[in-house]
Amino acid sequence: MSVSAPPIRRRGLIALSAGALAAPALGLRPASAQAAWPTQPVRMVVPFAAGGPTDVPARLLAEQMSNALPQRVIVENRTGSGVVIGTDLVAKGPQDGSTVLYTTVAHAVTRALFPRLPFDPVADFQPVALVGQVPLVLLVNNNFPARTFPEFVQQLRANPGRFDYASSGNGGAVHLGTELLLHAAGGLRANHIPFRGSSQAIPEVIAGRIPMIFDIAASALPYARSGELRALGISTKERSSLAPNIPTFQEQGLPGFETYTWHMVLVRSGTLAPVVEAINRAVNAAVNLPAVQERLTGLAMQVVRDSTPASAAEYLRSEIAVWEPLVRAANIRAE
């Protein structure tokens, strides 16, 4: 996610034909490919459940990368302790590119959420590519006494601690995004009610038992379009083509506010540079396919084209600089 709001500041499938991208085109010369590249299939570890909003794009990417790399890419879901178990598997894994991590903004908060974390999210990992960003949408029950975000702010400011908000889980993107929005809007107070996923949280908002949720766009937009819930704002810099009628928070009084959950590919630190470059090129080749972009856009993702290991590493560092202080200030704890 990214945001620019004081005092915490930020800047904001059609398969490829088999063999379409050979190893030399990915930066591995024939002479070095055998020595540098693993001989076994590549494991793409996803520290989230199968079929969820992180797993689906990961599988889409793995399918295309399998056509672009010397070895097939196989998705492996490893959940537990938030994202810790799956992430630690990669942190302790081989340094030959045979195990990669596909993760989200959760990677930027693990150090703050888990004081005894068995890995360092920066030192133990080499970012490979930022795949894309998914904005969040503020939804309220249709009976909530606010039709715009400024009215929403007025309601919460006049009634500190009176209103609840739902999330898809403690310490997740929805929880963090809501706390960031409340902070940026002047330190508003509301009570966090976590659920096991948006599929359990949103019905509670529709029923009016909980008045609001700041959910990822892929989950939120269908309810905004159907009129079951009222959308008060979207966290993009400019209005999204997916929801042109939903105003941004920037145009409603929060200059610079821009926040996302994001998807990134990483490997263990120490992985050979030619392997990192090859994986990076495979990711970029996949996300630049029009059919892949169409699928990812359908999942409300803003695709990041031509990400480099250096730019992905800088993005991760900047995100950690945002989220770790927020997690500590809001006293968010892992469950």
C-alpha atoms as a PDB file:
ATOM      1  CA  MET A   1       0.000   0.000   0.000  1.00  0.00           C
ATOM      2  CA  SER A   2       1.085   3.546  -0.388  1.00  0.00           C
ATOM      3  CA  VAL A   3      -0.094   6.843   0.985  1.00  0.00           C
ATOM      4  CA  SER A   4       0.977  10.419   1.282  1.00  0.00           C
ATOM      5  CA  ALA A   5      -0.607  11.828   4.392  1.00  0.00           C
ATOM      6  CA  PRO A   6       1.039  13.475   7.417  1.00  0.00           C
ATOM      7  CA  PRO A   7       2.596  12.522   9.697  1.00  0.00           C
ATOM      8  CA  ILE A   8       3.242   9.250   7.886  1.00  0.00           C
ATOM      9  CA  ARG A   9       4.161  10.153   4.316  1.00  0.00           C
ATOM     10  CA  ARG A  10       4.430   8.199   1.026  1.00  0.00           C
ATOM     11  CA  ARG A  11       4.346   8.776  -2.708  1.00  0.00           C
ATOM     12  CA  GLY A  12       1.537   6.715  -3.692  1.00  0.00           C
ATOM     13  CA  LEU A  13      -5.059 -15.780 -20.081  1.00  0.00           C
ATOM     14  CA  ILE A  14      -4.120 -16.782 -23.089  1.00  0.00           C
ATOM     15  CA  ALA A  15      -1.053 -18.921 -22.500  1.00  0.00           C
ATOM     16  CA  LEU A  16       2.179 -18.156 -24.274  1.00  0.00           C
ATOM     17  CA  SER A  17       3.045 -20.771 -26.837  1.00  0.00           C
ATOM     18  CA  ALA A  18       5.434 -23.337 -25.407  1.00  0.00           C
ATOM     19  CA  GLY A  19       9.003 -22.185 -25.724  1.00  0.00           C
ATOM     20  CA  ALA A  20       8.034 -18.666 -26.784  1.00  0.00           C
ATOM     21  CA  LEU A  21      10.636 -17.262 -24.388  1.00  0.00           C
ATOM     22  CA  ALA A  22      13.809 -19.308 -24.228  1.00  0.00           C
ATOM     23  CA  ALA A  23      16.502 -19.019 -21.574  1.00  0.00           C
ATOM     24  CA  PRO A  24      18.876 -16.808 -23.615  1.00  0.00           C
ATOM     25  CA  ALA A  25      16.099 -14.227 -24.108  1.00  0.00           C
ATOM     26  CA  LEU A  26      15.674 -14.098 -20.329  1.00  0.00           C
ATOM     27  CA  GLY A  27      19.291 -13.180 -19.672  1.00  0.00           C
ATOM     28  CA  LEU A  28      20.769 -16.654 -19.175  1.00  0.00           C
ATOM     29  CA  ARG A  29      23.430 -17.380 -21.769  1.00  0.00           C
ATOM     30  CA  PRO A  30      23.561 -21.031 -22.856  1.00  0.00           C
ATOM     31  CA  ALA A  31      26.990 -21.394 -21.226  1.00  0.00           C
ATOM     32  CA  SER A  32      25.733 -20.147 -17.849  1.00  0.00           C
ATOM     33  CA  ALA A  33      22.199 -21.504 -17.846  1.00  0.00           C
ATOM     34  CA  GLN A  34      23.128 -25.016 -16.765  1.00  0.00           C
ATOM     35  CA  ALA A  35      25.289 -23.774 -13.911  1.00  0.00           C
ATOM     36  CA  ALA A  36      22.971 -21.021 -12.706  1.00  0.00           C
ATOM     37  CA  TRP A  37      19.485 -22.417 -13.148  1.00  0.00           C
ATOM     38  CA  PRO A  38      17.906 -25.110 -10.921  1.00  0.00           C
ATOM     39  CA  THR A  39      17.171 -28.454 -12.530  1.00  0.00           C
ATOM     40  CA  GLN A  40      13.959 -29.092 -10.591  1.00  0.00           C
ATOM     41  CA  PRO A  41      10.579 -27.345 -11.002  1.00  0.00           C
ATOM     42  CA  VAL A  42      10.304 -23.921  -9.387  1.00  0.00           C
ATOM     43  CA  ARG A  43       8.091 -23.749  -6.295  1.00  0.00           C
ATOM     44  CA  MET A  44       6.067 -20.546  -6.032  1.00  0.00           C
ATOM     45  CA  VAL A  45       5.142 -20.396  -2.344  1.00  0.00           C
ATOM     46  CA  VAL A  46       1.915 -18.497  -1.647  1.00  0.00           C
ATOM     47  CA  PRO A  47       1.408 -17.971   2.116  1.00  0.00           C
ATOM     48  CA  PHE A  48      -2.349 -17.658   1.638  1.00  0.00           C
ATOM     49  CA  ALA A  49      -5.167 -20.137   1.119  1.00  0.00           C
ATOM     50  CA  ALA A  50      -5.894 -21.652  -2.279  1.00  0.00           C
ATOM     51  CA  GLY A  51      -8.595 -19.909  -4.288  1.00  0.00           C
ATOM     52  CA  GLY A  52      -8.246 -16.563  -2.513  1.00  0.00           C
ATOM     53  CA  PRO A  53      -7.463 -13.105  -3.908  1.00  0.00           C
ATOM     54  CA  THR A  54      -3.698 -13.713  -3.687  1.00  0.00           C
ATOM     55  CA  ASP A  55      -3.680 -17.293  -4.919  1.00  0.00           C
ATOM     56  CA  VAL A  56      -5.637 -16.636  -8.120  1.00  0.00           C
ATOM     57  CA  PRO A  57      -3.215 -14.106  -9.683  1.00  0.00           C
ATOM     58  CA  ALA A  58      -0.264 -16.168  -8.431  1.00  0.00           C
ATOM     59  CA  ARG A  59      -1.510 -19.179 -10.394  1.00  0.00           C
ATOM     60  CA  LEU A  60      -2.111 -17.030 -13.440  1.00  0.00           C
ATOM     61  CA  LEU A  61       1.461 -15.745 -13.244  1.00  0.00           C
ATOM     62  CA  ALA A  62       2.933 -19.206 -12.591  1.00  0.00           C
ATOM     63  CA  GLU A  63       1.235 -20.564 -15.692  1.00  0.00           C
ATOM     64  CA  GLN A  64       2.856 -17.949 -17.893  1.00  0.00           C
ATOM     65  CA  MET A  65       6.241 -18.136 -16.185  1.00  0.00           C
ATOM     66  CA  SER A  66       6.282 -21.894 -16.836  1.00  0.00           C
ATOM     67  CA  ASN A  67       6.352 -21.089 -20.552  1.00  0.00           C
ATOM     68  CA  ALA A  68       9.081 -18.501 -20.132  1.00  0.00           C
ATOM     69  CA  LEU A  69      11.574 -20.280 -17.863  1.00  0.00           C
ATOM     70  CA  PRO A  70      13.673 -23.443 -18.259  1.00  0.00           C
ATOM     71  CA  GLN A  71      11.611 -25.175 -15.545  1.00  0.00           C
ATOM     72  CA  ARG A  72       7.923 -25.368 -14.749  1.00  0.00           C
ATOM     73  CA  VAL A  73       6.566 -23.107 -11.962  1.00  0.00           C
ATOM     74  CA  ILE A  74       4.286 -24.867  -9.467  1.00  0.00           C
ATOM     75  CA  VAL A  75       2.203 -22.979  -6.879  1.00  0.00           C
ATOM     76  CA  GLU A  76       2.370 -24.278  -3.317  1.00  0.00           C
ATOM     77  CA  ASN A  77       0.025 -22.817  -0.687  1.00  0.00           C
ATOM     78  CA  ARG A  78       1.663 -22.770   2.756  1.00  0.00           C
ATOM     79  CA  THR A  79      -0.489 -21.015   5.341  1.00  0.00           C
ATOM     80  CA  GLY A  80      -0.140 -20.624   9.090  1.00  0.00           C
ATOM     81  CA  SER A  81       0.726 -17.917  11.643  1.00  0.00           C
ATOM     82  CA  GLY A  82      -0.484 -15.311   9.206  1.00  0.00           C
ATOM     83  CA  VAL A  83       2.056 -15.460   6.396  1.00  0.00           C
ATOM     84  CA  VAL A  84       4.975 -16.479   8.609  1.00  0.00           C
ATOM     85  CA  ILE A  85       5.191 -20.206   7.862  1.00  0.00           C
ATOM     86  CA  GLY A  86       5.113 -19.857   4.094  1.00  0.00           C
ATOM     87  CA  THR A  87       7.450 -16.881   4.081  1.00  0.00           C
ATOM     88  CA  ASP A  88       9.924 -18.591   6.391  1.00  0.00           C
ATOM     89  CA  LEU A  89       9.985 -21.570   4.034  1.00  0.00           C
ATOM     90  CA  VAL A  90      11.446 -19.326   1.340  1.00  0.00           C
ATOM     91  CA  ALA A  91      13.747 -17.495   3.775  1.00  0.00           C
ATOM     92  CA  LYS A  92      15.282 -20.851   4.787  1.00  0.00           C
ATOM     93  CA  GLY A  93      15.115 -22.367   1.314  1.00  0.00           C
ATOM     94  CA  PRO A  94      17.702 -22.777  -1.443  1.00  0.00           C
ATOM     95  CA  GLN A  95      19.413 -19.779  -3.013  1.00  0.00           C
ATOM     96  CA  ASP A  96      19.187 -21.081  -6.558  1.00  0.00           C
ATOM     97  CA  GLY A  97      15.814 -19.678  -7.660  1.00  0.00           C
ATOM     98  CA  SER A  98      14.014 -22.994  -7.235  1.00  0.00           C
ATOM     99  CA  THR A  99      11.779 -21.493  -4.508  1.00  0.00           C
ATOM    100  CA  VAL A 100      10.123 -18.100  -4.906  1.00  0.00           C
ATOM    101  CA  LEU A 101       7.654 -16.191  -2.758  1.00  0.00           C
ATOM    102  CA  TYR A 102       4.468 -14.605  -4.056  1.00  0.00           C
ATOM    103  CA  THR A 103       3.142 -12.334  -1.340  1.00  0.00           C
ATOM    104  CA  THR A 104       1.384  -9.075  -0.530  1.00  0.00           C
ATOM    105  CA  VAL A 105       1.579  -6.028   1.723  1.00  0.00           C
ATOM    106  CA  ALA A 106       1.545  -8.555   4.580  1.00  0.00           C
ATOM    107  CA  HIS A 107       5.292  -8.902   4.014  1.00  0.00           C
ATOM    108  CA  ALA A 108       5.766  -5.267   5.042  1.00  0.00           C
ATOM    109  CA  VAL A 109       4.127  -5.724   8.454  1.00  0.00           C
ATOM    110  CA  THR A 110       5.362  -9.122   9.624  1.00  0.00           C
ATOM    111  CA  ARG A 111       8.255  -7.632  11.603  1.00  0.00           C
ATOM    112  CA  ALA A 112       5.897  -5.311  13.488  1.00  0.00           C
ATOM    113  CA  LEU A 113       3.181  -7.926  14.037  1.00  0.00           C
ATOM    114  CA  PHE A 114       5.474 -10.739  15.174  1.00  0.00           C
ATOM    115  CA  PRO A 115       8.188  -9.616  17.636  1.00  0.00           C
ATOM    116  CA  ARG A 116       9.964 -13.007  17.410  1.00  0.00           C
ATOM    117  CA  LEU A 117       9.845 -13.344  13.656  1.00  0.00           C
ATOM    118  CA  PRO A 118      12.174 -16.125  12.405  1.00  0.00           C
ATOM    119  CA  PHE A 119      13.299 -14.102   9.383  1.00  0.00           C
ATOM    120  CA  ASP A 120      13.984 -10.513   8.384  1.00  0.00           C
ATOM    121  CA  PRO A 121      11.647  -9.317   5.595  1.00  0.00           C
ATOM    122  CA  VAL A 122      14.418  -7.169   4.113  1.00  0.00           C
ATOM    123  CA  ALA A 123      17.745  -8.841   4.859  1.00  0.00           C
ATOM    124  CA  ASP A 124      16.586 -12.374   4.056  1.00  0.00           C
ATOM    125  CA  PHE A 125      14.870 -11.580   0.754  1.00  0.00           C
ATOM    126  CA  GLN A 126      15.672 -10.255  -2.693  1.00  0.00           C
ATOM    127  CA  PRO A 127      12.634  -8.602  -4.296  1.00  0.00           C
ATOM    128  CA  VAL A 128      12.303  -9.661  -7.924  1.00  0.00           C
ATOM    129  CA  ALA A 129       9.308  -7.739  -9.290  1.00  0.00           C
ATOM    130  CA  LEU A 130       6.263  -5.793  -8.148  1.00  0.00           C
ATOM    131  CA  VAL A 131       3.356  -7.392 -10.013  1.00  0.00           C
ATOM    132  CA  GLY A 132       0.514  -4.987  -9.291  1.00  0.00           C
ATOM    133  CA  GLN A 133      -1.535  -2.946  -6.840  1.00  0.00           C
ATOM    134  CA  VAL A 134      -5.165  -3.419  -5.777  1.00  0.00           C
ATOM    135  CA  PRO A 135      -6.983  -0.362  -4.361  1.00  0.00           C
ATOM    136  CA  LEU A 136      -9.466  -0.371  -1.507  1.00  0.00           C
ATOM    137  CA  VAL A 137     -13.051   0.910  -1.490  1.00  0.00           C
ATOM    138  CA  LEU A 138     -14.881   2.319   1.523  1.00  0.00           C
ATOM    139  CA  LEU A 139     -18.338   0.724   1.744  1.00  0.00           C
ATOM    140  CA  VAL A 140     -21.082   1.582   4.199  1.00  0.00           C
ATOM    141  CA  ASN A 141     -24.518   0.168   4.898  1.00  0.00           C
ATOM    142  CA  ASN A 142     -27.211   1.966   2.899  1.00  0.00           C
ATOM    143  CA  ASN A 143     -28.742   3.250   6.141  1.00  0.00           C
ATOM    144  CA  PHE A 144     -25.491   4.766   7.376  1.00  0.00           C
ATOM    145  CA  PRO A 145     -25.997   8.527   7.928  1.00  0.00           C
ATOM    146  CA  ALA A 146     -23.400   9.647   5.365  1.00  0.00           C
ATOM    147  CA  ARG A 147     -23.555   9.788   1.589  1.00  0.00           C
ATOM    148  CA  THR A 148     -20.073  11.236   1.016  1.00  0.00           C
ATOM    149  CA  PHE A 149     -16.677  10.770   2.617  1.00  0.00           C
ATOM    150  CA  PRO A 150     -16.697  14.265   4.219  1.00  0.00           C
ATOM    151  CA  GLU A 151     -20.039  13.360   5.841  1.00  0.00           C
ATOM    152  CA  PHE A 152     -18.502  10.060   6.951  1.00  0.00           C
ATOM    153  CA  VAL A 153     -15.676  11.964   8.626  1.00  0.00           C
ATOM    154  CA  GLN A 154     -18.163  14.250  10.350  1.00  0.00           C
ATOM    155  CA  GLN A 155     -20.093  11.278  11.725  1.00  0.00           C
ATOM    156  CA  LEU A 156     -17.026   9.554  13.152  1.00  0.00           C
ATOM    157  CA  ARG A 157     -15.584  12.778  14.515  1.00  0.00           C
ATOM    158  CA  ALA A 158     -18.834  13.569  16.301  1.00  0.00           C
ATOM    159  CA  ASN A 159     -19.121  10.015  17.667  1.00  0.00           C
ATOM    160  CA  PRO A 160     -15.600   8.802  18.561  1.00  0.00           C
ATOM    161  CA  GLY A 161     -15.553   5.072  19.230  1.00  0.00           C
ATOM    162  CA  ARG A 162     -19.257   4.615  18.543  1.00  0.00           C
ATOM    163  CA  PHE A 163     -19.007   2.922  15.146  1.00  0.00           C
ATOM    164  CA  ASP A 164     -17.528  -0.455  14.258  1.00  0.00           C
ATOM    165  CA  TYR A 165     -15.755  -1.481  11.082  1.00  0.00           C
ATOM    166  CA  ALA A 166     -15.360  -4.971   9.672  1.00  0.00           C
ATOM    167  CA  SER A 167     -12.211  -6.502   8.223  1.00  0.00           C
ATOM    168  CA  SER A 168     -11.185  -9.742   6.562  1.00  0.00           C
ATOM    169  CA  GLY A 169      -8.785 -10.557   9.401  1.00  0.00           C
ATOM    170  CA  ASN A 170      -6.549  -9.095  12.066  1.00  0.00           C
ATOM    171  CA  GLY A 171      -3.419  -7.476  10.634  1.00  0.00           C
ATOM    172  CA  GLY A 172      -4.522  -7.967   7.034  1.00  0.00           C
ATOM    173  CA  ALA A 173      -4.756  -5.434   4.224  1.00  0.00           C
ATOM    174  CA  VAL A 174      -8.334  -4.412   5.074  1.00  0.00           C
ATOM    175  CA  HIS A 175      -7.541  -3.892   8.759  1.00  0.00           C
ATOM    176  CA  LEU A 176      -4.362  -1.956   8.009  1.00  0.00           C
ATOM    177  CA  GLY A 177      -5.963   0.110   5.255  1.00  0.00           C
ATOM    178  CA  THR A 178      -8.812   1.149   7.524  1.00  0.00           C
ATOM    179  CA  GLU A 179      -6.451   2.238  10.281  1.00  0.00           C
ATOM    180  CA  LEU A 180      -4.442   4.233   7.747  1.00  0.00           C
ATOM    181  CA  LEU A 181      -7.576   5.933   6.421  1.00  0.00           C
ATOM    182  CA  LEU A 182      -8.780   6.805   9.924  1.00  0.00           C
ATOM    183  CA  HIS A 183      -5.338   8.156  10.764  1.00  0.00           C
ATOM    184  CA  ALA A 184      -5.085  10.240   7.595  1.00  0.00           C
ATOM    185  CA  ALA A 185      -8.567  11.678   8.155  1.00  0.00           C
ATOM    186  CA  GLY A 186      -7.477  13.242  11.418  1.00  0.00           C
ATOM    187  CA  GLY A 187      -7.163  10.367  13.867  1.00  0.00           C
ATOM    188  CA  LEU A 188     -10.748   9.126  13.707  1.00  0.00           C
ATOM    189  CA  ARG A 189     -11.749   6.348  16.094  1.00  0.00           C
ATOM    190  CA  ALA A 190     -13.733   3.220  15.269  1.00  0.00           C
ATOM    191  CA  ASN A 191     -13.806  -0.326  16.619  1.00  0.00           C
ATOM    192  CA  HIS A 192     -12.250  -3.167  14.652  1.00  0.00           C
ATOM    193  CA  ILE A 193     -14.336  -6.330  14.179  1.00  0.00           C
ATOM    194  CA  PRO A 194     -12.294  -8.986  12.350  1.00  0.00           C
ATOM    195  CA  PHE A 195     -13.764 -11.871  10.355  1.00  0.00           C
ATOM    196  CA  ARG A 196     -12.288 -14.814   8.497  1.00  0.00           C
ATOM    197  CA  GLY A 197     -12.369 -13.242   5.079  1.00  0.00           C
ATOM    198  CA  SER A 198     -14.503 -10.698   3.251  1.00  0.00           C
ATOM    199  CA  SER A 199     -17.120 -13.316   2.444  1.00  0.00           C
ATOM    200  CA  GLN A 200     -18.019 -13.376   6.142  1.00  0.00           C
ATOM    201  CA  ALA A 201     -17.540  -9.660   6.810  1.00  0.00           C
ATOM    202  CA  ILE A 202     -19.537  -8.072   3.995  1.00  0.00           C
ATOM    203  CA  PRO A 203     -22.887  -9.780   4.795  1.00  0.00           C
ATOM    204  CA  GLU A 204     -22.652  -8.235   8.266  1.00  0.00           C
ATOM    205  CA  VAL A 205     -22.307  -4.786   6.692  1.00  0.00           C
ATOM    206  CA  ILE A 206     -25.197  -5.419   4.313  1.00  0.00           C
ATOM    207  CA  ALA A 207     -27.360  -6.498   7.262  1.00  0.00           C
ATOM    208  CA  GLY A 208     -26.399  -3.347   9.158  1.00  0.00           C
ATOM    209  CA  ARG A 209     -24.918  -5.141  12.144  1.00  0.00           C
ATOM    210  CA  ILE A 210     -21.609  -3.485  11.291  1.00  0.00           C
ATOM    211  CA  PRO A 211     -21.826  -0.155   9.435  1.00  0.00           C
ATOM    212  CA  MET A 212     -18.669  -0.133   7.298  1.00  0.00           C
ATOM    213  CA  ILE A 213     -15.765  -1.924   5.646  1.00  0.00           C
ATOM    214  CA  PHE A 214     -12.762  -0.589   3.686  1.00  0.00           C
ATOM    215  CA  ASP A 215     -12.286  -3.631   1.497  1.00  0.00           C
ATOM    216  CA  ILE A 216     -10.090  -4.498  -1.467  1.00  0.00           C
ATOM    217  CA  ALA A 217     -11.729  -3.493  -4.738  1.00  0.00           C
ATOM    218  CA  ALA A 218     -12.044  -7.043  -6.061  1.00  0.00           C
ATOM    219  CA  SER A 219     -14.365  -7.874  -3.149  1.00  0.00           C
ATOM    220  CA  ALA A 220     -16.017  -4.480  -2.737  1.00  0.00           C
ATOM    221  CA  LEU A 221     -16.953  -3.370  -6.251  1.00  0.00           C
ATOM    222  CA  PRO A 222     -19.633  -6.002  -6.960  1.00  0.00           C
ATOM    223  CA  TYR A 223     -21.602  -4.784  -3.934  1.00  0.00           C
ATOM    224  CA  ALA A 224     -21.155  -1.148  -4.894  1.00  0.00           C
ATOM    225  CA  ARG A 225     -22.344  -1.865  -8.442  1.00  0.00           C
ATOM    226  CA  SER A 226     -25.374  -3.829  -7.265  1.00  0.00           C
ATOM    227  CA  GLY A 227     -26.388  -1.105  -4.816  1.00  0.00           C
ATOM    228  CA  GLU A 228     -26.300  -3.485  -1.850  1.00  0.00           C
ATOM    229  CA  LEU A 229     -23.755  -1.178  -0.222  1.00  0.00           C
ATOM    230  CA  ARG A 230     -22.847   2.481  -0.724  1.00  0.00           C
ATOM    231  CA  ALA A 231     -19.318   3.311  -1.881  1.00  0.00           C
ATOM    232  CA  LEU A 232     -17.897   6.525  -0.411  1.00  0.00           C
ATOM    233  CA  GLY A 233     -14.400   6.501  -1.881  1.00  0.00           C
ATOM    234  CA  ILE A 234     -11.665   4.570  -3.657  1.00  0.00           C
ATOM    235  CA  SER A 235      -7.989   4.707  -2.701  1.00  0.00           C
ATOM    236  CA  THR A 236      -6.502   5.332  -6.155  1.00  0.00           C
ATOM    237  CA  LYS A 237      -4.671   8.506  -7.160  1.00  0.00           C
ATOM    238  CA  GLU A 238      -7.197   9.186  -9.915  1.00  0.00           C
ATOM    239  CA  ARG A 239     -10.639   7.742 -10.535  1.00  0.00           C
ATOM    240  CA  SER A 240     -10.480   4.111 -11.566  1.00  0.00           C
ATOM    241  CA  SER A 241     -11.788   2.951 -14.923  1.00  0.00           C
ATOM    242  CA  LEU A 242     -13.322   0.019 -13.030  1.00  0.00           C
ATOM    243  CA  ALA A 243     -15.478   2.382 -10.970  1.00  0.00           C
ATOM    244  CA  PRO A 244     -15.507   5.844 -12.566  1.00  0.00           C
ATOM    245  CA  ASN A 245     -18.463   6.962 -10.441  1.00  0.00           C
ATOM    246  CA  ILE A 246     -16.637   6.417  -7.144  1.00  0.00           C
ATOM    247  CA  PRO A 247     -14.638   9.512  -6.116  1.00  0.00           C
ATOM    248  CA  THR A 248     -11.114   9.256  -4.789  1.00  0.00           C
ATOM    249  CA  PHE A 249     -10.254  10.322  -1.272  1.00  0.00           C
ATOM    250  CA  GLN A 250      -7.877  12.894  -2.705  1.00  0.00           C
ATOM    251  CA  GLU A 251     -10.750  14.755  -4.341  1.00  0.00           C
ATOM    252  CA  GLN A 252     -12.730  14.568  -1.087  1.00  0.00           C
ATOM    253  CA  GLY A 253     -10.300  16.335   1.183  1.00  0.00           C
ATOM    254  CA  LEU A 254      -7.326  13.982   1.694  1.00  0.00           C
ATOM    255  CA  PRO A 255      -4.577  15.347  -0.574  1.00  0.00           C
ATOM    256  CA  GLY A 256      -2.031  12.702  -1.499  1.00  0.00           C
ATOM    257  CA  PHE A 257      -3.950   9.788  -0.002  1.00  0.00           C
ATOM    258  CA  GLU A 258      -3.316   6.701  -2.123  1.00  0.00           C
ATOM    259  CA  THR A 259      -3.199   3.187  -0.722  1.00  0.00           C
ATOM    260  CA  TYR A 260      -3.203  -0.372  -2.027  1.00  0.00           C
ATOM    261  CA  THR A 261      -2.581  -3.932  -1.217  1.00  0.00           C
ATOM    262  CA  TRP A 262       0.130  -5.111  -3.576  1.00  0.00           C
ATOM    263  CA  HIS A 263       1.535  -8.313  -5.024  1.00  0.00           C
ATOM    264  CA  MET A 264       5.261  -9.021  -5.269  1.00  0.00           C
ATOM    265  CA  VAL A 265       7.613 -11.850  -6.218  1.00  0.00           C
ATOM    266  CA  LEU A 266      10.716 -12.369  -4.041  1.00  0.00           C
ATOM    267  CA  VAL A 267      13.482 -14.927  -3.645  1.00  0.00           C
ATOM    268  CA  ARG A 268      15.922 -15.683  -0.854  1.00  0.00           C
ATOM    269  CA  SER A 269      18.815 -13.274  -0.480  1.00  0.00           C
ATOM    270  CA  GLY A 270      21.983 -14.539  -2.110  1.00  0.00           C
ATOM    271  CA  THR A 271      20.256 -15.937  -5.171  1.00  0.00           C
ATOM    272  CA  LEU A 272      22.523 -15.539  -8.194  1.00  0.00           C
ATOM    273  CA  ALA A 273      21.949 -12.334 -10.147  1.00  0.00           C
ATOM    274  CA  PRO A 274      21.391 -14.100 -13.515  1.00  0.00           C
ATOM    275  CA  VAL A 275      18.619 -16.178 -11.926  1.00  0.00           C
ATOM    276  CA  VAL A 276      16.989 -13.122 -10.327  1.00  0.00           C
ATOM    277  CA  GLU A 277      17.112 -11.335 -13.679  1.00  0.00           C
ATOM    278  CA  ALA A 278      15.620 -14.327 -15.481  1.00  0.00           C
ATOM    279  CA  ILE A 279      12.703 -14.559 -13.055  1.00  0.00           C
ATOM    280  CA  ASN A 280      12.189 -10.799 -13.314  1.00  0.00           C
ATOM    281  CA  ARG A 281      12.013 -10.967 -17.093  1.00  0.00           C
ATOM    282  CA  ALA A 282       9.593 -13.882 -16.929  1.00  0.00           C
ATOM    283  CA  VAL A 283       7.288 -11.953 -14.575  1.00  0.00           C
ATOM    284  CA  ASN A 284       7.376  -8.862 -16.782  1.00  0.00           C
ATOM    285  CA  ALA A 285       6.826 -10.915 -19.931  1.00  0.00           C
ATOM    286  CA  ALA A 286       3.729 -12.440 -18.334  1.00  0.00           C
ATOM    287  CA  VAL A 287       2.155  -9.246 -16.992  1.00  0.00           C
ATOM    288  CA  ASN A 288       2.733  -7.444 -20.291  1.00  0.00           C
ATOM    289  CA  LEU A 289       0.599  -9.945 -22.196  1.00  0.00           C
ATOM    290  CA  PRO A 290      -2.722  -8.231 -23.089  1.00  0.00           C
ATOM    291  CA  ALA A 291      -4.711 -11.296 -22.059  1.00  0.00           C
ATOM    292  CA  VAL A 292      -2.984 -11.444 -18.670  1.00  0.00           C
ATOM    293  CA  GLN A 293      -3.533  -7.749 -18.114  1.00  0.00           C
ATOM    294  CA  GLU A 294      -7.208  -8.241 -18.906  1.00  0.00           C
ATOM    295  CA  ARG A 295      -7.476 -11.013 -16.330  1.00  0.00           C
ATOM    296  CA  LEU A 296      -5.622  -9.058 -13.664  1.00  0.00           C
ATOM    297  CA  THR A 297      -7.661  -5.939 -14.369  1.00  0.00           C
ATOM    298  CA  GLY A 298     -10.750  -8.075 -13.845  1.00  0.00           C
ATOM    299  CA  LEU A 299      -9.364  -8.790 -10.377  1.00  0.00           C
ATOM    300  CA  ALA A 300      -9.162  -4.996  -9.819  1.00  0.00           C
ATOM    301  CA  MET A 301      -5.368  -5.021 -10.034  1.00  0.00           C
ATOM    302  CA  GLN A 302      -3.381  -2.149 -11.510  1.00  0.00           C
ATOM    303  CA  VAL A 303      -0.557  -3.983 -13.268  1.00  0.00           C
ATOM    304  CA  VAL A 304       2.972  -2.662 -12.753  1.00  0.00           C
ATOM    305  CA  ARG A 305       4.864  -3.010 -16.019  1.00  0.00           C
ATOM    306  CA  ASP A 306       8.613  -3.474 -16.270  1.00  0.00           C
ATOM    307  CA  SER A 307       9.329  -3.610 -12.546  1.00  0.00           C
ATOM    308  CA  THR A 308      13.004  -4.227 -11.742  1.00  0.00           C
ATOM    309  CA  PRO A 309      14.575  -5.920  -8.712  1.00  0.00           C
ATOM    310  CA  ALA A 310      15.928  -2.513  -7.654  1.00  0.00           C
ATOM    311  CA  SER A 311      12.582  -0.721  -7.979  1.00  0.00           C
ATOM    312  CA  ALA A 312      10.768  -3.564  -6.202  1.00  0.00           C
ATOM    313  CA  ALA A 313      13.284  -3.431  -3.334  1.00  0.00           C
ATOM    314  CA  GLU A 314      12.840   0.314  -2.984  1.00  0.00           C
ATOM    315  CA  TYR A 315       9.070  -0.063  -3.007  1.00  0.00           C
ATOM    316  CA  LEU A 316       9.222  -2.704  -0.274  1.00  0.00           C
ATOM    317  CA  ARG A 317      11.463  -0.528   1.907  1.00  0.00           C
ATOM    318  CA  SER A 318       9.126   2.438   1.495  1.00  0.00           C
ATOM    319  CA  GLU A 319       6.107   0.323   2.391  1.00  0.00           C
ATOM    320  CA  ILE A 320       7.776  -1.015   5.524  1.00  0.00           C
ATOM    321  CA  ALA A 321       8.520   2.591   6.485  1.00  0.00           C
ATOM    322  CA  VAL A 322       4.781   3.323   6.300  1.00  0.00           C
ATOM    323  CA  TRP A 323       3.275   0.238   7.859  1.00  0.00           C
ATOM    324  CA  GLU A 324       5.567  -0.614  10.740  1.00  0.00           C
ATOM    325  CA  PRO A 325       5.016   2.727  12.542  1.00  0.00           C
ATOM    326  CA  LEU A 326       1.269   2.505  11.911  1.00  0.00           C
ATOM    327  CA  VAL A 327       1.030  -1.047  13.279  1.00  0.00           C
ATOM    328  CA  ARG A 328       2.862   0.003  16.430  1.00  0.00           C
ATOM    329  CA  ALA A 329       0.908   3.247  16.846  1.00  0.00           C
ATOM    330  CA  ALA A 330      -2.406   1.431  16.457  1.00  0.00           C
ATOM    331  CA  ASN A 331      -1.206  -1.343  18.773  1.00  0.00           C
ATOM    332  CA  ILE A 332      -2.105  -4.031  16.240  1.00  0.00           C
ATOM    333  CA  ARG A 333      -1.122  -7.524  17.369  1.00  0.00           C
ATOM    334  CA  ALA A 334      -1.048 -10.836  15.552  1.00  0.00           C
ATOM    335  CA  GLU A 335      -3.619 -13.386  16.676  1.00  0.00           C
END
